[in-house]
Amino acid sequence: MTNRDTPLHLYGIKACDTMKKARTWLEDKGLGYDFHDYKTQGIDRASLTRWCNEHGWETVLNRAGTTFRKLEDAQKADLDQAKAIELMLAQPSMIKRPVLDLGERTLVGFKPDLYAAALQ
């Protein structure tokens, strides 16, 4: 359950299909949110660090995406949280999306049942 006094912040990339599903879900439920496109607006180290501390960098880093897969093997080797954060700062499209900031916690990825449980 989220505090209704805290605005929702949705982070992601505008053109992403999963983002479109999350935005449609929120809009269909009448839930307002601020949208932050980290491909055009970037992302700050503090937010990435907070998300990684909450969920683990392995969850926040989108290793299935094209951007990550195109990296040289040396860049993918021996990853840890510090290296993952540097990669995501340099190329925000490597951040899993969406990230929904509820104020007291965040949700990474879009699953309607998890959104419903968090926002009931």
C-alpha atoms as a PDB file:
ATOM      1  CA  MET A   1       0.000   0.000   0.000  1.00  0.00           C
ATOM      2  CA  THR A   2       1.434   3.344  -0.963  1.00  0.00           C
ATOM      3  CA  ASN A   3       0.938   6.686   0.729  1.00  0.00           C
ATOM      4  CA  ARG A   4      -1.426   8.584  -1.590  1.00  0.00           C
ATOM      5  CA  ASP A   5       0.256  11.858  -0.582  1.00  0.00           C
ATOM      6  CA  THR A   6       3.441  10.652  -2.272  1.00  0.00           C
ATOM      7  CA  PRO A   7       3.380  11.129  -6.046  1.00  0.00           C
ATOM      8  CA  LEU A   8       4.288   8.150  -8.185  1.00  0.00           C
ATOM      9  CA  HIS A   9       7.380   8.443 -10.358  1.00  0.00           C
ATOM     10  CA  LEU A  10       7.726   6.146 -13.347  1.00  0.00           C
ATOM     11  CA  TYR A  11      11.210   5.737 -14.823  1.00  0.00           C
ATOM     12  CA  GLY A  12      11.939   4.180 -18.180  1.00  0.00           C
ATOM     13  CA  ILE A  13      12.152   4.776 -21.912  1.00  0.00           C
ATOM     14  CA  LYS A  14       9.166   6.238 -23.717  1.00  0.00           C
ATOM     15  CA  ALA A  15       9.182   3.923 -26.756  1.00  0.00           C
ATOM     16  CA  CYS A  16       9.568   0.655 -24.798  1.00  0.00           C
ATOM     17  CA  ASP A  17       6.604  -1.753 -25.136  1.00  0.00           C
ATOM     18  CA  THR A  18       6.743  -2.754 -21.467  1.00  0.00           C
ATOM     19  CA  MET A  19       6.704   0.928 -20.525  1.00  0.00           C
ATOM     20  CA  LYS A  20       3.610   1.440 -22.652  1.00  0.00           C
ATOM     21  CA  LYS A  21       1.866  -1.406 -20.799  1.00  0.00           C
ATOM     22  CA  ALA A  22       2.778   0.058 -17.412  1.00  0.00           C
ATOM     23  CA  ARG A  23       1.674   3.567 -18.389  1.00  0.00           C
ATOM     24  CA  THR A  24      -1.629   2.254 -19.780  1.00  0.00           C
ATOM     25  CA  TRP A  25      -2.214   0.214 -16.606  1.00  0.00           C
ATOM     26  CA  LEU A  26      -1.626   3.249 -14.365  1.00  0.00           C
ATOM     27  CA  GLU A  27      -3.801   5.485 -16.548  1.00  0.00           C
ATOM     28  CA  ASP A  28      -6.617   2.903 -16.676  1.00  0.00           C
ATOM     29  CA  LYS A  29      -6.610   2.843 -12.852  1.00  0.00           C
ATOM     30  CA  GLY A  30      -6.742   6.643 -12.729  1.00  0.00           C
ATOM     31  CA  LEU A  31      -3.325   6.845 -11.053  1.00  0.00           C
ATOM     32  CA  GLY A  32      -1.314   9.940 -11.862  1.00  0.00           C
ATOM     33  CA  TYR A  33       2.453   9.753 -12.144  1.00  0.00           C
ATOM     34  CA  ASP A  34       5.477  11.756 -13.197  1.00  0.00           C
ATOM     35  CA  PHE A  35       7.370  10.152 -16.076  1.00  0.00           C
ATOM     36  CA  HIS A  36      11.162  10.294 -16.258  1.00  0.00           C
ATOM     37  CA  ASP A  37      12.648   9.102 -19.561  1.00  0.00           C
ATOM     38  CA  TYR A  38      16.152   8.106 -18.611  1.00  0.00           C
ATOM     39  CA  LYS A  39      17.194   7.738 -22.205  1.00  0.00           C
ATOM     40  CA  THR A  40      16.678  11.462 -22.843  1.00  0.00           C
ATOM     41  CA  GLN A  41      16.950  12.832 -19.281  1.00  0.00           C
ATOM     42  CA  GLY A  42      19.639  10.518 -17.940  1.00  0.00           C
ATOM     43  CA  ILE A  43      19.650   9.068 -14.451  1.00  0.00           C
ATOM     44  CA  ASP A  44      21.539  10.036 -11.339  1.00  0.00           C
ATOM     45  CA  ARG A  45      23.950   7.810  -9.449  1.00  0.00           C
ATOM     46  CA  ALA A  46      21.962   8.172  -6.206  1.00  0.00           C
ATOM     47  CA  SER A  47      18.792   6.700  -7.767  1.00  0.00           C
ATOM     48  CA  LEU A  48      20.668   3.813  -9.380  1.00  0.00           C
ATOM     49  CA  THR A  49      22.493   3.057  -6.147  1.00  0.00           C
ATOM     50  CA  ARG A  50      19.226   3.124  -4.173  1.00  0.00           C
ATOM     51  CA  TRP A  51      17.544   0.764  -6.661  1.00  0.00           C
ATOM     52  CA  CYS A  52      20.521  -1.609  -6.649  1.00  0.00           C
ATOM     53  CA  ASN A  53      20.651  -1.610  -2.854  1.00  0.00           C
ATOM     54  CA  GLU A  54      16.921  -2.381  -2.708  1.00  0.00           C
ATOM     55  CA  HIS A  55      16.690  -5.010  -5.464  1.00  0.00           C
ATOM     56  CA  GLY A  56      20.265  -6.078  -6.243  1.00  0.00           C
ATOM     57  CA  TRP A  57      22.161  -4.863  -9.294  1.00  0.00           C
ATOM     58  CA  GLU A  58      21.392  -8.140 -11.062  1.00  0.00           C
ATOM     59  CA  THR A  59      17.704  -7.167 -11.096  1.00  0.00           C
ATOM     60  CA  VAL A  60      18.238  -3.547 -12.136  1.00  0.00           C
ATOM     61  CA  LEU A  61      20.710  -4.241 -14.964  1.00  0.00           C
ATOM     62  CA  ASN A  62      18.882  -5.375 -18.110  1.00  0.00           C
ATOM     63  CA  ARG A  63      21.225  -8.062 -19.433  1.00  0.00           C
ATOM     64  CA  ALA A  64      18.627  -9.322 -21.911  1.00  0.00           C
ATOM     65  CA  GLY A  65      18.585  -6.083 -23.878  1.00  0.00           C
ATOM     66  CA  THR A  66      20.453  -5.331 -27.079  1.00  0.00           C
ATOM     67  CA  THR A  67      22.588  -2.607 -25.500  1.00  0.00           C
ATOM     68  CA  PHE A  68      24.080  -4.994 -22.945  1.00  0.00           C
ATOM     69  CA  ARG A  69      24.481  -7.846 -25.413  1.00  0.00           C
ATOM     70  CA  LYS A  70      26.479  -5.569 -27.764  1.00  0.00           C
ATOM     71  CA  LEU A  71      29.074  -4.805 -25.085  1.00  0.00           C
ATOM     72  CA  GLU A  72      32.524  -6.281 -25.458  1.00  0.00           C
ATOM     73  CA  ASP A  73      33.139  -9.374 -23.360  1.00  0.00           C
ATOM     74  CA  ALA A  74      35.658  -7.456 -21.246  1.00  0.00           C
ATOM     75  CA  GLN A  75      32.946  -4.984 -20.245  1.00  0.00           C
ATOM     76  CA  LYS A  76      30.612  -7.819 -19.215  1.00  0.00           C
ATOM     77  CA  ALA A  77      33.268  -9.721 -17.259  1.00  0.00           C
ATOM     78  CA  ASP A  78      33.562  -9.609 -13.467  1.00  0.00           C
ATOM     79  CA  LEU A  79      30.510  -7.447 -12.980  1.00  0.00           C
ATOM     80  CA  ASP A  80      29.692  -6.174  -9.534  1.00  0.00           C
ATOM     81  CA  GLN A  81      27.392  -3.418  -8.326  1.00  0.00           C
ATOM     82  CA  ALA A  82      29.927  -0.620  -8.888  1.00  0.00           C
ATOM     83  CA  LYS A  83      30.678  -1.731 -12.463  1.00  0.00           C
ATOM     84  CA  ALA A  84      26.990  -2.288 -13.231  1.00  0.00           C
ATOM     85  CA  ILE A  85      26.126   1.214 -12.023  1.00  0.00           C
ATOM     86  CA  GLU A  86      28.867   2.708 -14.226  1.00  0.00           C
ATOM     87  CA  LEU A  87      27.492   0.812 -17.257  1.00  0.00           C
ATOM     88  CA  MET A  88      23.934   1.988 -16.538  1.00  0.00           C
ATOM     89  CA  LEU A  89      25.032   5.597 -16.003  1.00  0.00           C
ATOM     90  CA  ALA A  90      26.870   5.536 -19.343  1.00  0.00           C
ATOM     91  CA  GLN A  91      24.007   3.826 -21.184  1.00  0.00           C
ATOM     92  CA  PRO A  92      20.680   4.187 -19.353  1.00  0.00           C
ATOM     93  CA  SER A  93      18.950   1.862 -21.814  1.00  0.00           C
ATOM     94  CA  MET A  94      20.663  -0.926 -19.823  1.00  0.00           C
ATOM     95  CA  ILE A  95      18.394  -0.179 -16.849  1.00  0.00           C
ATOM     96  CA  LYS A  96      15.513  -2.630 -16.553  1.00  0.00           C
ATOM     97  CA  ARG A  97      12.209  -0.893 -17.057  1.00  0.00           C
ATOM     98  CA  PRO A  98       9.996   0.368 -15.821  1.00  0.00           C
ATOM     99  CA  VAL A  99      11.037   1.413 -12.342  1.00  0.00           C
ATOM    100  CA  LEU A 100       8.031   2.655 -10.379  1.00  0.00           C
ATOM    101  CA  ASP A 101       8.976   4.754  -7.363  1.00  0.00           C
ATOM    102  CA  LEU A 102       6.258   4.498  -4.731  1.00  0.00           C
ATOM    103  CA  GLY A 103       8.063   6.785  -2.302  1.00  0.00           C
ATOM    104  CA  GLU A 104       8.987   4.268   0.371  1.00  0.00           C
ATOM    105  CA  ARG A 105      10.020   1.563  -2.107  1.00  0.00           C
ATOM    106  CA  THR A 106      10.270   0.784  -5.811  1.00  0.00           C
ATOM    107  CA  LEU A 107       9.044  -1.871  -8.213  1.00  0.00           C
ATOM    108  CA  VAL A 108      11.331  -2.978 -11.063  1.00  0.00           C
ATOM    109  CA  GLY A 109       9.706  -4.366 -14.212  1.00  0.00           C
ATOM    110  CA  PHE A 110       5.986  -4.467 -14.910  1.00  0.00           C
ATOM    111  CA  LYS A 111       3.706  -7.160 -13.553  1.00  0.00           C
ATOM    112  CA  PRO A 112       0.063  -6.087 -13.230  1.00  0.00           C
ATOM    113  CA  ASP A 113      -0.526  -8.209 -10.116  1.00  0.00           C
ATOM    114  CA  LEU A 114       2.446  -6.642  -8.315  1.00  0.00           C
ATOM    115  CA  TYR A 115       1.328  -3.143  -9.283  1.00  0.00           C
ATOM    116  CA  ALA A 116      -2.204  -3.913  -8.083  1.00  0.00           C
ATOM    117  CA  ALA A 117      -0.956  -5.268  -4.746  1.00  0.00           C
ATOM    118  CA  ALA A 118       1.333  -2.276  -4.175  1.00  0.00           C
ATOM    119  CA  LEU A 119      -1.227   0.339  -5.197  1.00  0.00           C
ATOM    120  CA  GLN A 120      -4.478  -1.027  -3.796  1.00  0.00           C
END
